[in-house]
Amino acid sequence: MVLTVEPGLYIAPDADVPEAYRGIGVRIEDDIVITETGNENLTAGVVRRRMTLKH
């Protein structure tokens, strides 16, 4: 069985935070395989870095 774990943080456009952070979202995804003998993170070797996207 493979499970996807997708924690996320989303800041509302009207949140009481600095304007630069309003309306943004961040998600990190891991794909985990579960076997009879344990588990393995299939995405453990994926590079994780901050990206700036322009819309």
N, C-alpha and C. Protein backbone atom coordinates (compact mmCIF):
# COMPACT_ATOMS: atom_id res chain seq x y z
N MET A 1 0.85 -1.16 0.00
CA MET A 1 0.00 0.00 0.00
C MET A 1 0.90 1.23 0.00
N VAL A 2 0.51 2.25 -0.76
CA VAL A 2 1.24 3.51 -0.77
C VAL A 2 0.33 4.62 -0.27
N LEU A 3 0.84 5.40 0.66
CA LEU A 3 0.09 6.53 1.22
C LEU A 3 0.80 7.83 0.86
N THR A 4 0.02 8.85 0.64
CA THR A 4 0.58 10.18 0.42
C THR A 4 0.28 11.03 1.64
N VAL A 5 1.33 11.63 2.19
CA VAL A 5 1.20 12.52 3.35
C VAL A 5 1.45 13.93 2.84
N GLU A 6 0.46 14.81 2.96
CA GLU A 6 0.54 16.15 2.39
C GLU A 6 0.19 17.24 3.40
N PRO A 7 1.06 17.49 4.38
CA PRO A 7 0.76 18.59 5.29
C PRO A 7 0.86 19.92 4.56
N GLY A 8 0.06 20.86 4.97
CA GLY A 8 0.07 22.17 4.31
C GLY A 8 -0.23 23.29 5.27
N LEU A 9 0.18 24.47 4.87
CA LEU A 9 -0.09 25.68 5.62
C LEU A 9 -0.62 26.71 4.63
N TYR A 10 -1.79 27.23 4.90
CA TYR A 10 -2.40 28.23 4.02
C TYR A 10 -2.77 29.44 4.85
N ILE A 11 -2.38 30.61 4.39
CA ILE A 11 -2.66 31.85 5.11
C ILE A 11 -3.74 32.61 4.35
N ALA A 12 -4.81 32.91 5.04
CA ALA A 12 -5.96 33.60 4.43
C ALA A 12 -5.56 35.00 3.95
N PRO A 13 -6.20 35.45 2.88
CA PRO A 13 -5.90 36.79 2.35
C PRO A 13 -6.18 37.92 3.35
N ASP A 14 -7.06 37.66 4.31
CA ASP A 14 -7.39 38.70 5.29
C ASP A 14 -6.77 38.43 6.66
N ALA A 15 -5.77 37.55 6.73
CA ALA A 15 -5.14 37.20 8.00
C ALA A 15 -4.38 38.40 8.57
N ASP A 16 -4.25 38.40 9.89
CA ASP A 16 -3.53 39.48 10.58
C ASP A 16 -2.04 39.16 10.59
N VAL A 17 -1.44 39.17 9.41
CA VAL A 17 -0.01 38.91 9.23
C VAL A 17 0.52 39.96 8.25
N PRO A 18 1.85 40.10 8.13
CA PRO A 18 2.36 41.05 7.14
C PRO A 18 1.79 40.77 5.75
N GLU A 19 1.53 41.80 4.99
CA GLU A 19 0.87 41.68 3.70
C GLU A 19 1.58 40.71 2.76
N ALA A 20 2.89 40.63 2.83
CA ALA A 20 3.65 39.75 1.94
C ALA A 20 3.28 38.28 2.11
N TYR A 21 2.73 37.91 3.27
CA TYR A 21 2.39 36.51 3.55
C TYR A 21 0.92 36.18 3.35
N ARG A 22 0.10 37.16 3.09
CA ARG A 22 -1.34 36.92 2.94
C ARG A 22 -1.64 36.18 1.64
N GLY A 23 -2.50 35.20 1.73
CA GLY A 23 -2.96 34.48 0.55
C GLY A 23 -1.98 33.45 0.01
N ILE A 24 -0.95 33.10 0.78
CA ILE A 24 0.01 32.11 0.28
C ILE A 24 -0.29 30.73 0.85
N GLY A 25 0.30 29.73 0.25
CA GLY A 25 0.17 28.37 0.74
C GLY A 25 1.45 27.60 0.52
N VAL A 26 1.70 26.65 1.41
CA VAL A 26 2.90 25.81 1.33
C VAL A 26 2.47 24.37 1.57
N ARG A 27 2.92 23.47 0.70
CA ARG A 27 2.65 22.04 0.91
C ARG A 27 3.93 21.25 0.71
N ILE A 28 4.08 20.22 1.50
CA ILE A 28 5.19 19.28 1.36
C ILE A 28 4.57 17.90 1.26
N GLU A 29 4.98 17.13 0.27
CA GLU A 29 4.38 15.82 0.05
C GLU A 29 5.41 14.72 0.24
N ASP A 30 5.01 13.66 0.92
CA ASP A 30 5.81 12.44 1.02
C ASP A 30 4.96 11.27 0.56
N ASP A 31 5.57 10.35 -0.16
CA ASP A 31 4.91 9.11 -0.57
C ASP A 31 5.55 7.97 0.21
N ILE A 32 4.74 7.27 0.98
CA ILE A 32 5.22 6.22 1.88
C ILE A 32 4.64 4.88 1.44
N VAL A 33 5.52 3.89 1.26
CA VAL A 33 5.05 2.54 0.95
C VAL A 33 5.06 1.74 2.26
N ILE A 34 3.95 1.05 2.50
CA ILE A 34 3.80 0.21 3.69
C ILE A 34 3.83 -1.24 3.24
N THR A 35 4.71 -2.03 3.85
CA THR A 35 4.82 -3.45 3.52
C THR A 35 4.57 -4.28 4.77
N GLU A 36 4.60 -5.58 4.61
CA GLU A 36 4.42 -6.47 5.77
C GLU A 36 5.57 -6.35 6.76
N THR A 37 6.73 -5.90 6.30
CA THR A 37 7.90 -5.83 7.18
C THR A 37 8.28 -4.42 7.62
N GLY A 38 7.54 -3.42 7.16
CA GLY A 38 7.87 -2.06 7.58
C GLY A 38 7.37 -1.02 6.60
N ASN A 39 8.13 0.05 6.49
CA ASN A 39 7.74 1.14 5.59
C ASN A 39 8.98 1.79 4.99
N GLU A 40 8.76 2.53 3.91
CA GLU A 40 9.85 3.25 3.25
C GLU A 40 9.29 4.55 2.68
N ASN A 41 10.02 5.61 2.90
CA ASN A 41 9.64 6.90 2.35
C ASN A 41 10.20 6.97 0.93
N LEU A 42 9.34 6.86 -0.07
CA LEU A 42 9.77 6.85 -1.47
C LEU A 42 10.31 8.20 -1.92
N THR A 43 9.97 9.25 -1.22
CA THR A 43 10.39 10.59 -1.62
C THR A 43 11.48 11.15 -0.70
N ALA A 44 12.12 10.29 0.07
CA ALA A 44 13.14 10.75 1.02
C ALA A 44 14.30 11.45 0.32
N GLY A 45 14.63 11.04 -0.89
CA GLY A 45 15.77 11.63 -1.59
C GLY A 45 15.44 12.85 -2.43
N VAL A 46 14.20 13.28 -2.41
CA VAL A 46 13.79 14.43 -3.22
C VAL A 46 14.30 15.72 -2.58
N VAL A 47 14.89 16.57 -3.40
CA VAL A 47 15.40 17.85 -2.91
C VAL A 47 14.22 18.73 -2.52
N ARG A 48 14.32 19.33 -1.36
CA ARG A 48 13.28 20.25 -0.88
C ARG A 48 13.91 21.62 -0.73
N ARG A 49 13.37 22.56 -1.46
CA ARG A 49 13.89 23.92 -1.36
C ARG A 49 12.75 24.90 -1.55
N ARG A 50 12.98 26.06 -1.07
CA ARG A 50 11.98 27.12 -1.20
C ARG A 50 11.98 27.63 -2.64
N MET A 51 10.80 27.84 -3.18
CA MET A 51 10.67 28.40 -4.52
C MET A 51 9.81 29.65 -4.44
N THR A 52 10.14 30.59 -5.26
CA THR A 52 9.31 31.78 -5.38
C THR A 52 8.57 31.71 -6.70
N LEU A 53 7.26 31.72 -6.64
CA LEU A 53 6.44 31.68 -7.83
C LEU A 53 5.81 33.05 -8.05
N LYS A 54 5.84 33.49 -9.28
CA LYS A 54 5.19 34.76 -9.61
C LYS A 54 3.91 34.47 -10.34
N HIS A 55 2.85 35.20 -10.01
CA HIS A 55 1.58 34.97 -10.70
C HIS A 55 1.21 36.13 -11.54
